[in-house]
């Protein structure tokens, strides 16, 4: 798998398996960042038991570009513009819509305007 293409390019299409592999990377990075925050004590108390980790926040901000590239290619496989990622900003329904469209539903069969079928 070409990880550089997967996480940096906004062109082309990817299938669900590659999408979930990319999401797995983001989850693993988040867990590692959280563990680092807990080990070195870089958390800020927000009151009422809430805390935010400095390392976790930096990692989250640093991965935004890579997540957008991943989402764009998956939207392309669904024959939609990468701008559909903005649906995630709609409370509750946006995240569910994103999960269903990108993580569950099959991509367009055959070539579409974004490139050849990644499963072909």
Protein backbone atom coordinates (compact mmCIF):
# COMPACT_ATOMS: atom_id res chain seq x y z
CA UNK A 1 0.00 0.00 0.00
CA UNK A 2 1.28 3.45 -0.92
CA UNK A 3 0.91 5.28 2.41
CA UNK A 4 2.18 8.58 1.00
CA UNK A 5 -0.54 8.57 -1.67
CA UNK A 6 -3.16 7.42 0.82
CA UNK A 7 -2.52 10.19 3.32
CA UNK A 8 -1.32 13.15 1.22
CA UNK A 9 -3.03 13.12 -2.17
CA UNK A 10 -6.52 14.48 -2.80
CA UNK A 11 -6.70 12.81 -6.24
CA UNK A 12 -8.10 9.42 -7.16
CA UNK A 13 -10.18 6.83 -5.37
CA UNK A 14 -9.73 4.35 -2.55
CA UNK A 15 -11.86 1.43 -1.42
CA UNK A 16 -13.28 0.84 2.06
CA UNK A 17 -10.37 -1.36 3.17
CA UNK A 18 -7.80 1.37 2.53
CA UNK A 19 -10.10 3.93 4.14
CA UNK A 20 -10.33 1.85 7.33
CA UNK A 21 -6.55 1.28 7.27
CA UNK A 22 -6.08 5.05 7.26
CA UNK A 23 -8.60 5.48 10.08
CA UNK A 24 -6.71 2.79 12.01
CA UNK A 25 -3.55 4.87 11.72
CA UNK A 26 -5.35 7.91 13.13
CA UNK A 27 -6.77 5.88 16.03
CA UNK A 28 -3.33 4.42 16.82
CA UNK A 29 -1.73 7.88 16.74
CA UNK A 30 -4.44 9.20 19.06
CA UNK A 31 -3.91 6.37 21.55
CA UNK A 32 -0.13 6.86 21.53
CA UNK A 33 -0.56 10.62 22.04
CA UNK A 34 -2.97 10.00 24.92
CA UNK A 35 -0.53 7.60 26.58
CA UNK A 36 2.29 10.14 26.20
CA UNK A 37 0.08 12.82 27.77
CA UNK A 38 -0.65 10.57 30.73
CA UNK A 39 2.98 9.47 31.17
CA UNK A 40 4.59 12.90 31.08
CA UNK A 41 1.67 14.75 32.66
CA UNK A 42 0.92 17.17 29.83
CA UNK A 43 -2.78 17.46 30.54
CA UNK A 44 -4.72 20.59 31.37
CA UNK A 45 -7.55 20.36 33.89
CA UNK A 46 -10.76 21.84 32.48
CA UNK A 47 -12.68 21.56 35.72
CA UNK A 48 -15.41 19.14 36.73
CA UNK A 49 -13.11 16.20 35.93
CA UNK A 50 -12.45 17.16 32.32
CA UNK A 51 -8.92 17.14 30.95
CA UNK A 52 -7.30 17.88 27.62
CA UNK A 53 -3.88 16.60 26.60
CA UNK A 54 -1.41 18.94 24.96
CA UNK A 55 0.28 16.19 22.91
CA UNK A 56 -3.10 14.76 21.91
CA UNK A 57 -4.28 18.18 20.75
CA UNK A 58 -1.14 18.74 18.69
CA UNK A 59 -1.45 15.30 17.08
CA UNK A 60 -5.13 15.91 16.32
CA UNK A 61 -4.40 19.24 14.66
CA UNK A 62 -1.48 17.76 12.72
CA UNK A 63 -3.60 14.96 11.26
CA UNK A 64 -6.40 17.16 9.90
CA UNK A 65 -4.78 17.49 6.47
CA UNK A 66 -4.18 13.75 6.21
CA UNK A 67 -7.75 12.94 7.25
CA UNK A 68 -9.14 15.35 4.67
CA UNK A 69 -7.04 13.69 1.95
CA UNK A 70 -8.29 10.26 3.02
CA UNK A 71 -11.92 11.39 3.12
CA UNK A 72 -11.69 13.13 -0.27
CA UNK A 73 -10.49 9.96 -2.00
CA UNK A 74 -13.22 7.92 -0.37
CA UNK A 75 -15.88 10.46 -1.43
CA UNK A 76 -14.44 10.24 -4.94
CA UNK A 77 -15.02 6.48 -4.85
CA UNK A 78 -18.67 7.28 -4.06
CA UNK A 79 -18.63 9.63 -7.13
CA UNK A 80 -19.01 12.74 -4.96
CA UNK A 81 -16.84 15.77 -4.34
CA UNK A 82 -14.46 15.78 -1.38
CA UNK A 83 -16.33 18.86 -0.17
CA UNK A 84 -18.98 16.45 1.14
CA UNK A 85 -16.66 16.07 4.14
CA UNK A 86 -18.26 19.28 5.43
CA UNK A 87 -21.40 17.24 6.20
CA UNK A 88 -19.56 16.21 9.38
CA UNK A 89 -20.14 19.73 10.72
CA UNK A 90 -23.89 19.08 10.98
CA UNK A 91 -24.56 18.01 14.59
CA UNK A 92 -25.35 14.32 15.16
CA UNK A 93 -26.58 13.42 11.66
CA UNK A 94 -23.38 14.65 9.95
CA UNK A 95 -21.10 12.17 11.69
CA UNK A 96 -23.51 9.32 11.09
CA UNK A 97 -23.83 10.27 7.42
CA UNK A 98 -20.05 10.39 7.07
CA UNK A 99 -19.65 6.98 8.71
CA UNK A 100 -22.29 5.35 6.51
CA UNK A 101 -21.18 6.93 3.22
CA UNK A 102 -17.43 6.45 3.66
CA UNK A 103 -17.11 3.45 5.91
CA UNK A 104 -20.03 1.22 5.03
CA UNK A 105 -21.43 1.85 1.55
CA UNK A 106 -19.76 0.39 -1.52
CA UNK A 107 -18.08 2.70 -4.00
CA UNK A 108 -19.18 3.32 -7.56
CA UNK A 109 -18.59 0.27 -9.74
CA UNK A 110 -16.37 0.90 -12.73
CA UNK A 111 -14.62 4.10 -13.63
CA UNK A 112 -16.11 7.44 -12.67
CA UNK A 113 -15.01 11.05 -13.15
CA UNK A 114 -12.41 10.67 -10.40
CA UNK A 115 -10.60 7.67 -11.82
CA UNK A 116 -10.71 3.92 -12.34
CA UNK A 117 -12.39 1.50 -9.95
CA UNK A 118 -9.92 0.78 -7.09
CA UNK A 119 -11.19 -2.81 -6.94
CA UNK A 120 -10.71 -3.49 -10.67
